[in-house]
N, C-alpha and C. Protein backbone atom coordinates (compact mmCIF):
# COMPACT_ATOMS: atom_id res chain seq x y z
N MET A 1 23.03 16.27 9.19
CA MET A 1 22.55 15.31 8.60
C MET A 1 22.34 15.20 7.69
N LYS A 2 22.28 13.59 7.34
CA LYS A 2 21.85 13.78 5.45
C LYS A 2 20.31 13.37 6.34
N THR A 3 19.56 14.01 5.24
CA THR A 3 17.86 13.51 5.12
C THR A 3 17.34 12.80 4.39
N TYR A 4 16.33 12.15 4.56
CA TYR A 4 15.98 10.89 3.88
C TYR A 4 14.18 11.37 3.22
N ASP A 5 14.42 11.32 1.87
CA ASP A 5 13.05 11.71 1.21
C ASP A 5 12.37 10.32 0.71
N ILE A 6 11.16 9.87 1.40
CA ILE A 6 10.53 8.49 1.27
C ILE A 6 9.58 8.86 -0.39
N PRO A 7 9.81 8.15 -0.94
CA PRO A 7 9.39 8.60 -2.39
C PRO A 7 7.91 7.83 -1.99
N LYS A 8 6.54 8.88 -2.58
CA LYS A 8 5.57 8.76 -2.09
C LYS A 8 4.58 7.95 -3.38
N VAL A 9 3.96 7.47 -3.75
CA VAL A 9 2.69 6.90 -4.70
C VAL A 9 2.30 7.74 -4.91
N VAL A 10 2.41 7.87 -6.42
CA VAL A 10 2.08 9.38 -7.07
C VAL A 10 1.12 8.31 -8.17
N GLY A 11 0.84 7.71 -8.70
CA GLY A 11 -0.23 6.46 -9.46
C GLY A 11 -0.09 5.29 -8.80
N PHE A 12 -1.18 4.37 -9.53
CA PHE A 12 -0.66 2.82 -9.59
C PHE A 12 -2.30 2.23 -10.04
N LYS A 13 -1.90 0.86 -10.31
CA LYS A 13 -2.73 0.22 -11.57
C LYS A 13 -2.75 -1.39 -10.52
N PHE A 14 -4.04 -1.79 -10.72
CA PHE A 14 -4.80 -2.90 -10.33
C PHE A 14 -4.08 -3.66 -11.44
N LEU A 15 -3.55 -5.07 -10.82
CA LEU A 15 -3.05 -6.46 -11.84
C LEU A 15 -4.03 -7.19 -11.59
N GLN A 16 -3.70 -8.24 -10.48
CA GLN A 16 -5.34 -9.31 -10.58
C GLN A 16 -4.85 -9.16 -8.67
N ASP A 17 -5.82 -9.94 -7.91
CA ASP A 17 -6.03 -10.09 -7.31
C ASP A 17 -5.66 -9.14 -6.43
N TYR A 18 -4.87 -8.86 -5.56
CA TYR A 18 -4.39 -7.92 -4.26
C TYR A 18 -3.22 -7.37 -4.87
N THR A 19 -2.71 -7.64 -5.97
CA THR A 19 -1.39 -7.17 -6.54
C THR A 19 -1.39 -6.06 -7.60
N VAL A 20 -1.01 -4.77 -7.12
CA VAL A 20 -1.02 -4.12 -7.57
C VAL A 20 0.65 -3.01 -8.41
N GLU A 21 0.46 -2.74 -9.35
CA GLU A 21 1.66 -1.85 -9.72
C GLU A 21 1.86 -0.49 -9.29
N LEU A 22 2.65 0.07 -8.51
CA LEU A 22 2.99 1.50 -7.61
C LEU A 22 3.87 2.13 -8.40
N GLU A 23 3.53 3.36 -9.09
CA GLU A 23 4.57 4.27 -9.56
C GLU A 23 5.07 5.61 -8.34
N PHE A 24 6.01 5.49 -8.18
CA PHE A 24 6.56 6.32 -7.52
C PHE A 24 7.00 7.59 -7.93
N GLY A 25 7.36 9.07 -6.73
CA GLY A 25 7.26 10.16 -7.68
C GLY A 25 8.76 10.41 -8.10
N ASN A 26 9.43 8.92 -7.55
CA ASN A 26 11.13 9.32 -8.33
C ASN A 26 11.11 8.83 -9.62
N GLY A 27 10.10 7.85 -10.30
CA GLY A 27 9.80 7.67 -11.14
C GLY A 27 9.67 6.32 -11.43
N GLU A 28 10.09 5.56 -10.19
CA GLU A 28 10.50 4.30 -10.01
C GLU A 28 8.96 3.43 -9.70
N ARG A 29 9.05 2.13 -10.38
CA ARG A 29 7.86 1.05 -10.32
C ARG A 29 8.02 0.18 -9.45
N ARG A 30 6.82 -0.46 -8.86
CA ARG A 30 7.25 -1.89 -8.25
C ARG A 30 5.84 -2.33 -7.95
N VAL A 31 5.76 -3.74 -8.17
CA VAL A 31 4.80 -4.30 -8.05
C VAL A 31 4.93 -5.30 -7.06
N VAL A 32 3.38 -4.98 -6.15
CA VAL A 32 3.35 -5.02 -4.45
C VAL A 32 2.06 -5.85 -4.55
N ASP A 33 2.30 -7.12 -3.72
CA ASP A 33 1.35 -7.76 -3.51
C ASP A 33 0.37 -7.55 -1.98
N LEU A 34 -0.32 -6.79 -1.93
CA LEU A 34 -0.68 -5.68 -0.84
C LEU A 34 -1.52 -7.16 0.53
N ALA A 35 -2.21 -8.37 -0.52
CA ALA A 35 -2.87 -8.97 0.51
C ALA A 35 -2.11 -9.41 1.77
N ARG A 36 -0.92 -9.18 1.60
CA ARG A 36 -0.01 -9.86 2.88
C ARG A 36 -0.17 -8.78 3.34
N TYR A 37 -0.43 -7.34 3.71
CA TYR A 37 -0.76 -6.30 4.26
C TYR A 37 -1.51 -6.59 5.34
N LEU A 38 -3.13 -7.20 4.20
CA LEU A 38 -4.15 -7.01 4.79
C LEU A 38 -4.98 -8.00 5.78
N GLN A 39 -4.59 -9.24 5.60
CA GLN A 39 -4.37 -10.07 6.26
C GLN A 39 -4.98 -9.72 8.14
N GLY A 40 -5.71 -9.99 8.28
CA GLY A 40 -5.96 -10.02 9.81
C GLY A 40 -7.51 -9.71 10.20
N GLU A 41 -7.59 -8.72 11.03
CA GLU A 41 -9.24 -8.62 11.85
C GLU A 41 -9.36 -7.64 11.45
N GLY A 42 -10.50 -7.22 11.99
CA GLY A 42 -11.08 -5.47 12.18
C GLY A 42 -10.85 -4.98 10.39
N VAL A 43 -10.25 -3.65 10.48
CA VAL A 43 -10.50 -2.66 9.81
C VAL A 43 -9.46 -3.47 8.28
N PHE A 44 -8.36 -3.81 8.69
CA PHE A 44 -7.56 -4.58 8.02
C PHE A 44 -7.93 -5.06 6.88
N ALA A 45 -8.75 -6.32 7.80
CA ALA A 45 -9.82 -7.95 7.18
C ALA A 45 -10.99 -6.42 5.73
N SER A 46 -11.45 -5.63 5.99
CA SER A 46 -12.40 -4.71 5.42
C SER A 46 -11.71 -4.85 4.16
N ALA A 47 -10.67 -3.86 4.25
CA ALA A 47 -10.00 -3.79 2.87
C ALA A 47 -9.95 -5.22 1.69
N LEU A 48 -10.04 -6.50 2.01
CA LEU A 48 -9.73 -7.43 1.47
C LEU A 48 -11.01 -7.68 0.91
N GLU A 49 -11.95 -6.87 1.04
CA GLU A 49 -13.60 -7.54 0.57
C GLU A 49 -13.24 -6.81 -1.01
N PRO A 50 -13.42 -7.44 -1.96
CA PRO A 50 -13.15 -6.76 -3.59
C PRO A 50 -14.00 -5.32 -3.69
N ASP A 51 -14.84 -5.53 -3.51
CA ASP A 51 -16.09 -3.99 -3.66
C ASP A 51 -15.54 -2.87 -2.70
N ILE A 52 -14.83 -2.92 -1.24
CA ILE A 52 -13.87 -2.32 -0.78
C ILE A 52 -12.14 -2.34 -1.00
N PHE A 53 -11.44 -3.18 -1.40
CA PHE A 53 -10.41 -3.20 -2.34
C PHE A 53 -10.04 -1.92 -3.77
N SER A 54 -11.10 -2.23 -4.20
CA SER A 54 -11.29 -1.77 -5.56
C SER A 54 -11.41 0.40 -5.04
N LYS A 55 -11.57 0.17 -3.84
CA LYS A 55 -11.83 1.76 -3.92
C LYS A 55 -10.78 2.19 -3.55
N MET A 56 -9.42 1.93 -4.10
CA MET A 56 -8.54 2.23 -3.13
C MET A 56 -7.92 3.47 -3.90
N PHE A 57 -7.12 4.29 -3.04
CA PHE A 57 -6.71 5.76 -3.59
C PHE A 57 -5.08 6.03 -2.87
N ILE A 58 -5.18 7.28 -3.20
CA ILE A 58 -3.48 7.78 -3.03
C ILE A 58 -4.04 9.00 -1.77
N GLU A 59 -3.13 8.68 -0.68
CA GLU A 59 -3.99 9.18 0.59
C GLU A 59 -2.98 11.09 0.07
N GLU A 60 -3.07 12.02 1.16
CA GLU A 60 -2.74 13.19 1.29
C GLU A 60 -0.84 12.75 1.58
N GLY A 61 -0.60 11.87 2.31
CA GLY A 61 1.39 12.14 2.20
C GLY A 61 1.42 10.93 1.58
N GLY A 62 0.93 10.37 0.24
CA GLY A 62 1.35 9.74 -0.42
C GLY A 62 1.65 8.07 -0.84
N GLY A 63 0.94 7.89 0.43
CA GLY A 63 0.34 6.58 1.20
C GLY A 63 -1.13 5.74 -0.14
N LEU A 64 -1.36 4.79 0.06
CA LEU A 64 -2.36 4.35 0.33
C LEU A 64 -3.21 4.00 1.09
N ALA A 65 -4.82 4.38 0.85
CA ALA A 65 -6.05 4.20 2.02
C ALA A 65 -7.32 3.89 1.15
N TRP A 66 -7.63 3.67 1.89
CA TRP A 66 -9.14 3.04 1.50
C TRP A 66 -10.51 3.95 2.62
N PRO A 67 -11.77 3.48 1.92
CA PRO A 67 -12.78 4.25 2.69
C PRO A 67 -12.96 3.73 4.18
N SER A 68 -12.45 2.59 4.39
CA SER A 68 -12.70 1.61 5.67
C SER A 68 -11.77 2.59 6.65
N GLY A 69 -10.73 3.12 6.14
CA GLY A 69 -9.96 3.71 6.68
C GLY A 69 -8.29 3.10 7.12
N VAL A 70 -8.40 1.90 6.30
CA VAL A 70 -6.71 1.23 6.38
C VAL A 70 -6.20 2.24 5.28
N ASP A 71 -4.66 2.63 6.37
CA ASP A 71 -3.94 3.17 5.23
C ASP A 71 -2.34 2.44 5.02
N MET A 72 -1.97 3.02 3.97
CA MET A 72 -0.64 2.29 4.27
C MET A 72 0.24 3.21 4.21
N CYS A 73 1.45 3.61 4.82
CA CYS A 73 2.73 4.35 4.52
C CYS A 73 3.60 4.20 2.85
N PRO A 74 4.17 5.04 2.15
CA PRO A 74 4.72 5.02 1.29
C PRO A 74 5.78 4.42 1.39
N ASN A 75 6.53 4.59 2.83
CA ASN A 75 7.87 4.08 3.01
C ASN A 75 8.03 2.26 2.98
N MET A 76 6.50 1.89 3.62
CA MET A 76 6.33 0.79 3.76
C MET A 76 6.99 0.01 2.27
N LEU A 77 5.26 1.08 1.41
CA LEU A 77 5.73 0.36 0.34
C LEU A 77 6.55 0.06 -0.89
N TYR A 78 7.11 1.44 -0.15
CA TYR A 78 8.48 1.53 -1.25
C TYR A 78 9.63 0.81 -1.28
N HIS A 79 9.90 0.14 -0.47
CA HIS A 79 10.77 -0.83 0.46
C HIS A 79 10.66 -2.38 0.48
N ASN A 80 8.94 -2.45 0.45
CA ASN A 80 7.95 -3.63 0.25
C ASN A 80 8.26 -4.60 1.49
N LEU A 81 8.53 -3.82 2.85
CA LEU A 81 8.64 -4.54 3.80
C LEU A 81 8.25 -5.15 4.40
N PRO A 82 8.36 -6.61 4.98
CA PRO A 82 6.91 -7.18 5.80
C PRO A 82 6.32 -6.38 6.51
N PRO A 83 5.13 -7.17 6.87
CA PRO A 83 4.14 -6.67 7.39
C PRO A 83 4.44 -6.66 8.94
N ALA A 84 4.93 -5.57 9.72
CA ALA A 84 4.98 -5.91 11.36
C ALA A 84 4.40 -6.70 12.35
N SER A 85 3.47 -7.49 12.61
CA SER A 85 3.05 -8.59 12.28
C SER A 85 3.68 -9.81 12.49
N VAL A 86 4.04 -10.20 11.20
CA VAL A 86 4.91 -11.33 11.21
C VAL A 86 6.22 -11.51 11.73
N GLU A 87 6.17 -12.88 12.77
CA GLU A 87 7.03 -13.39 13.55
C GLU A 87 8.25 -13.73 12.15
N VAL A 88 9.71 -13.42 12.42
CA VAL A 88 10.81 -14.17 11.05
C VAL A 88 11.35 -15.16 12.02
């Protein structure tokens, strides 16, 4: 059985608004607009507050996280998948 290694986020740079450049452990860089993932209510909406968004960090599993409890897995970020709540 083939195993699949999920590239983990190893660095990031804020660009503008909620767009960030992510650097992955495999050396690739991707630009992602995180606003589309953070829309909604509750804990996700809290990450859209500029003072909270600016406290983004890389969590232990290689994804992104905020002190408010919001986190995003590296697989979703790497593949820039649409949010699960959006109907296609």
